[in-house]
N, C-alpha and C. Protein backbone atom coordinates (compact mmCIF):
# COMPACT_ATOMS: atom_id res chain seq x y z
N MET A 1 33.95 43.61 34.58
CA MET A 1 33.99 42.97 33.53
C MET A 1 32.74 43.26 32.81
N SER A 2 32.80 43.30 31.37
CA SER A 2 31.67 43.71 30.58
C SER A 2 30.79 42.52 30.42
N ALA A 3 29.38 42.92 29.44
CA ALA A 3 28.56 42.03 29.19
C ALA A 3 29.03 40.65 28.46
N ILE A 4 29.90 40.93 27.83
CA ILE A 4 30.57 39.80 27.01
C ILE A 4 31.66 39.27 27.84
N ASP A 5 31.60 38.03 28.15
CA ASP A 5 32.66 37.24 28.95
C ASP A 5 33.77 37.03 27.94
N ARG A 6 35.17 38.03 28.07
CA ARG A 6 36.32 37.79 27.55
C ARG A 6 37.00 36.74 27.96
N SER A 7 36.90 36.03 28.71
CA SER A 7 37.60 34.52 29.03
C SER A 7 37.29 33.56 27.75
N GLU A 8 36.31 33.72 27.00
CA GLU A 8 36.00 32.68 25.93
C GLU A 8 37.09 33.30 24.79
N PRO A 9 37.65 32.25 24.00
CA PRO A 9 38.24 32.67 22.85
C PRO A 9 37.35 33.30 21.55
N ALA A 10 37.79 33.97 21.05
CA ALA A 10 36.80 34.57 19.96
C ALA A 10 36.74 33.29 18.84
N LEU A 11 35.65 33.39 18.18
CA LEU A 11 35.74 32.40 17.02
C LEU A 11 36.63 32.94 15.86
N GLN A 12 37.43 32.18 15.62
CA GLN A 12 38.28 32.74 14.29
C GLN A 12 37.91 31.91 12.99
N PRO A 13 37.42 32.44 12.02
CA PRO A 13 37.29 31.61 10.86
C PRO A 13 38.19 30.32 10.43
N GLY A 14 39.03 30.71 10.52
CA GLY A 14 40.09 29.52 10.10
C GLY A 14 40.22 28.39 11.15
N ARG A 15 40.08 28.93 12.41
CA ARG A 15 40.24 28.05 13.51
C ARG A 15 39.16 26.76 13.61
N HIS A 16 38.00 27.48 13.14
CA HIS A 16 36.94 26.47 13.16
C HIS A 16 36.44 25.83 11.81
N ALA A 17 36.94 26.13 10.97
CA ALA A 17 36.58 25.65 9.54
C ALA A 17 36.53 24.19 9.37
N GLY A 18 37.77 23.67 9.79
CA GLY A 18 37.77 22.12 9.87
C GLY A 18 36.87 21.30 10.36
N PHE A 19 36.79 21.72 11.80
CA PHE A 19 35.31 21.16 12.38
C PHE A 19 34.11 21.26 11.96
N LEU A 20 33.74 22.52 11.22
CA LEU A 20 32.53 22.83 10.71
C LEU A 20 32.44 21.92 9.51
N GLN A 21 33.50 22.01 8.67
CA GLN A 21 33.53 20.83 7.48
C GLN A 21 33.21 19.33 7.72
N ILE A 22 33.89 18.97 9.10
CA ILE A 22 33.46 17.61 9.51
C ILE A 22 32.27 17.57 9.88
N GLN A 23 31.57 18.40 10.41
CA GLN A 23 30.11 18.52 11.05
C GLN A 23 29.42 18.27 9.55
N ALA A 24 29.68 19.13 8.55
CA ALA A 24 28.91 19.22 7.56
C ALA A 24 28.80 18.02 6.68
N ILE A 25 30.18 17.38 6.79
CA ILE A 25 30.43 16.05 5.91
C ILE A 25 29.43 15.12 6.74
N GLY A 26 29.37 14.83 8.18
CA GLY A 26 28.85 13.99 9.05
C GLY A 26 27.02 14.19 8.95
N LEU A 27 26.93 15.52 8.76
CA LEU A 27 25.25 15.74 8.61
C LEU A 27 24.86 15.32 7.19
N ALA A 28 25.59 15.56 6.26
CA ALA A 28 25.37 15.08 4.82
C ALA A 28 25.23 13.94 4.63
N ALA A 29 26.08 12.83 5.43
CA ALA A 29 25.99 11.67 5.52
C ALA A 29 25.03 11.05 6.13
N SER A 30 24.61 11.80 7.24
CA SER A 30 23.44 11.22 8.05
C SER A 30 22.01 11.51 7.14
N ILE A 31 22.16 12.50 6.32
CA ILE A 31 20.80 12.89 5.54
C ILE A 31 20.66 11.77 4.47
N ARG A 32 21.89 11.61 3.75
CA ARG A 32 21.83 10.28 2.80
C ARG A 32 21.30 9.09 3.28
N TYR A 33 21.69 8.64 4.72
CA TYR A 33 21.22 7.39 5.38
C TYR A 33 19.97 7.56 5.64
N VAL A 34 19.27 8.62 6.05
CA VAL A 34 18.08 8.65 6.31
C VAL A 34 17.03 8.71 4.99
N GLU A 35 17.58 9.07 4.09
CA GLU A 35 16.90 9.30 2.46
C GLU A 35 16.98 7.67 1.94
N THR A 36 17.96 7.18 2.46
CA THR A 36 18.11 5.62 1.88
C THR A 36 17.35 4.95 2.83
N ILE A 37 17.23 5.01 3.88
CA ILE A 37 16.18 4.17 5.06
C ILE A 37 14.87 4.66 4.47
N GLY A 38 14.62 5.87 4.16
CA GLY A 38 13.03 6.25 3.65
C GLY A 38 12.73 5.66 2.50
N ARG A 39 13.78 5.51 1.43
CA ARG A 39 13.49 4.92 0.10
C ARG A 39 13.28 3.56 0.22
N GLU A 40 14.13 2.74 1.05
CA GLU A 40 13.82 1.42 1.42
C GLU A 40 12.44 1.20 1.87
N ARG A 41 12.11 1.81 2.95
CA ARG A 41 10.85 1.48 3.71
C ARG A 41 9.71 1.85 2.70
N ILE A 42 9.72 3.09 1.79
CA ILE A 42 8.64 3.34 0.97
C ILE A 42 8.78 2.04 -0.27
N ALA A 43 9.94 1.56 -0.46
CA ALA A 43 9.75 0.45 -1.12
C ALA A 43 9.07 -0.93 -0.71
N ALA A 44 9.57 -1.03 0.55
CA ALA A 44 8.83 -2.24 1.16
C ALA A 44 7.23 -2.05 1.37
N HIS A 45 7.00 -0.93 1.53
CA HIS A 45 5.32 -0.66 1.59
C HIS A 45 4.84 -0.74 0.36
N GLU A 46 5.45 -0.32 -0.67
CA GLU A 46 4.67 -0.48 -1.96
C GLU A 46 4.93 -1.91 -2.44
N ALA A 47 5.73 -2.62 -2.14
CA ALA A 47 5.83 -4.15 -2.33
C ALA A 47 4.72 -4.80 -1.55
N HIS A 48 4.34 -4.68 -0.06
CA HIS A 48 3.27 -4.91 0.40
C HIS A 48 1.93 -4.75 -0.17
N LEU A 49 1.84 -3.29 -0.76
CA LEU A 49 0.68 -2.86 -1.42
C LEU A 49 0.39 -3.44 -2.58
N ARG A 50 1.51 -4.05 -3.29
CA ARG A 50 1.37 -4.65 -4.60
C ARG A 50 0.76 -5.98 -4.22
N ASP A 51 1.39 -6.67 -3.30
CA ASP A 51 0.93 -7.98 -2.82
C ASP A 51 -0.71 -8.15 -2.57
N TYR A 52 -1.02 -7.02 -1.58
CA TYR A 52 -2.37 -6.67 -1.20
C TYR A 52 -3.30 -6.59 -2.37
N ALA A 53 -2.58 -5.89 -3.27
CA ALA A 53 -3.73 -5.68 -4.49
C ALA A 53 -3.97 -7.00 -5.41
N GLU A 54 -2.86 -7.66 -5.38
CA GLU A 54 -2.76 -8.97 -6.21
C GLU A 54 -3.64 -9.89 -5.54
N ARG A 55 -3.63 -9.81 -4.11
CA ARG A 55 -4.75 -11.13 -3.37
C ARG A 55 -6.26 -10.55 -3.46
N LEU A 56 -6.20 -9.15 -3.54
CA LEU A 56 -7.71 -8.45 -3.63
C LEU A 56 -8.30 -8.95 -4.84
N GLU A 57 -7.39 -8.68 -5.87
CA GLU A 57 -7.64 -9.13 -7.38
C GLU A 57 -8.29 -10.61 -7.43
N SER A 58 -7.12 -11.41 -6.80
CA SER A 58 -7.75 -12.93 -6.87
C SER A 58 -8.94 -13.33 -5.92
N LEU A 59 -9.11 -12.56 -5.00
CA LEU A 59 -10.29 -12.85 -4.36
C LEU A 59 -11.33 -12.26 -4.96
N SER A 60 -11.39 -11.11 -5.53
CA SER A 60 -12.47 -10.47 -6.34
C SER A 60 -12.85 -11.55 -7.48
N ARG A 61 -11.95 -12.31 -8.00
CA ARG A 61 -12.26 -13.40 -9.18
C ARG A 61 -12.92 -14.31 -8.69
N GLN A 62 -12.51 -14.65 -7.44
CA GLN A 62 -13.14 -15.96 -7.06
C GLN A 62 -14.47 -15.48 -6.46
N LEU A 63 -14.60 -14.53 -6.00
CA LEU A 63 -16.02 -13.99 -5.60
C LEU A 63 -16.94 -14.12 -6.86
N ILE A 64 -16.54 -13.16 -7.89
CA ILE A 64 -17.18 -13.22 -9.19
C ILE A 64 -17.51 -14.64 -9.59
N GLN A 65 -16.61 -15.43 -9.69
CA GLN A 65 -16.82 -16.66 -10.35
C GLN A 65 -17.80 -17.57 -9.38
N ALA A 66 -17.77 -17.28 -8.17
CA ALA A 66 -18.83 -17.99 -7.35
C ALA A 66 -20.19 -17.43 -7.36
N GLN A 67 -20.41 -16.14 -7.76
CA GLN A 67 -21.50 -15.57 -7.85
C GLN A 67 -22.00 -16.09 -9.34
N GLU A 68 -21.22 -16.18 -10.19
CA GLU A 68 -21.76 -16.67 -11.73
C GLU A 68 -22.19 -18.23 -11.55
N THR A 69 -21.54 -18.95 -10.84
CA THR A 69 -21.79 -20.15 -10.47
C THR A 69 -23.17 -20.42 -9.75
N GLU A 70 -23.30 -19.43 -8.92
CA GLU A 70 -24.71 -19.45 -8.06
C GLU A 70 -25.79 -19.15 -9.09
N ARG A 71 -25.54 -18.01 -10.13
CA ARG A 71 -26.61 -17.52 -10.88
C ARG A 71 -26.81 -18.69 -11.60
N ARG A 72 -26.04 -19.45 -12.32
CA ARG A 72 -26.03 -20.48 -13.14
C ARG A 72 -27.17 -21.59 -12.62
N HIS A 73 -26.77 -21.85 -11.30
CA HIS A 73 -27.45 -22.70 -10.56
C HIS A 73 -28.96 -22.25 -10.36
N VAL A 74 -29.15 -21.29 -9.92
CA VAL A 74 -30.56 -20.45 -9.85
C VAL A 74 -31.21 -20.45 -11.08
N ALA A 75 -30.71 -20.19 -12.23
CA ALA A 75 -31.40 -20.09 -13.47
C ALA A 75 -31.96 -21.69 -13.95
N ARG A 76 -30.84 -22.42 -13.78
CA ARG A 76 -31.12 -23.89 -13.98
C ARG A 76 -32.56 -24.56 -13.12
N GLU A 77 -32.57 -24.14 -11.86
CA GLU A 77 -33.58 -24.21 -11.16
C GLU A 77 -34.78 -23.73 -11.68
N LEU A 78 -34.75 -22.33 -11.68
CA LEU A 78 -36.03 -21.73 -12.30
C LEU A 78 -36.50 -22.12 -13.49
N HIS A 79 -35.45 -22.62 -14.43
CA HIS A 79 -35.92 -23.06 -15.90
C HIS A 79 -36.53 -24.42 -15.57
N ASP A 80 -35.88 -25.22 -14.80
CA ASP A 80 -36.84 -26.55 -14.80
C ASP A 80 -38.12 -26.47 -14.13
N GLU A 81 -38.33 -25.77 -12.96
CA GLU A 81 -39.48 -25.61 -12.21
C GLU A 81 -40.44 -24.81 -13.25
N ILE A 82 -40.24 -23.78 -13.91
CA ILE A 82 -41.32 -23.31 -14.93
C ILE A 82 -41.50 -24.13 -16.12
N GLY A 83 -40.58 -25.05 -16.52
CA GLY A 83 -40.90 -26.08 -17.48
C GLY A 83 -42.00 -26.99 -16.91
N GLN A 84 -41.44 -27.59 -15.70
CA GLN A 84 -42.56 -28.68 -15.09
C GLN A 84 -43.90 -28.08 -14.80
N SER A 85 -43.95 -26.54 -14.35
CA SER A 85 -45.38 -26.04 -14.42
C SER A 85 -46.13 -26.04 -15.60
N LEU A 86 -45.49 -25.50 -16.56
CA LEU A 86 -45.88 -25.38 -17.86
C LEU A 86 -46.44 -26.89 -18.46
N THR A 87 -45.50 -27.74 -18.31
CA THR A 87 -46.02 -29.19 -18.64
C THR A 87 -47.07 -29.65 -17.86
N ALA A 88 -47.36 -29.36 -16.60
CA ALA A 88 -48.46 -29.74 -15.93
C ALA A 88 -49.63 -29.05 -16.49
N ASP A 89 -49.63 -27.63 -16.58
CA ASP A 89 -50.79 -26.81 -17.24
C ASP A 89 -51.23 -27.37 -18.44
N ILE A 90 -50.18 -27.62 -19.39
CA ILE A 90 -50.62 -28.21 -20.74
C ILE A 90 -51.10 -29.46 -20.50
N ASP A 91 -50.97 -30.53 -19.62
CA ASP A 91 -51.91 -31.64 -19.46
C ASP A 91 -52.98 -31.42 -18.91
N THR A 92 -53.39 -30.26 -18.23
CA THR A 92 -54.68 -29.97 -17.84
C THR A 92 -55.37 -29.42 -18.53
N LEU A 93 -55.01 -28.83 -19.70
CA LEU A 93 -56.09 -28.43 -20.69
C LEU A 93 -56.92 -29.29 -21.23
N PRO A 94 -58.06 -28.88 -21.54
CA PRO A 94 -58.99 -29.58 -22.49
C PRO A 94 -58.69 -29.94 -23.60
């Protein structure tokens, strides 16, 4: 017997064409499915990112508002203390 096993039938183009077409169709369907799943996952992640971005924006606005409120409070206190000090100094002038 030679190096090629003669017991196996030779590949004949017409004989396996139908099988290869079915395999190609199945592979194409699998690729479309994976692409669809990939797009759905990407869309879901993008939706989560939008939600997180909106939440971050909301928290940032709340933080800025709290900082502005505190700044006004400190400014009012400083204004009152400086006004009282100046009034006391004016009262002690000869």
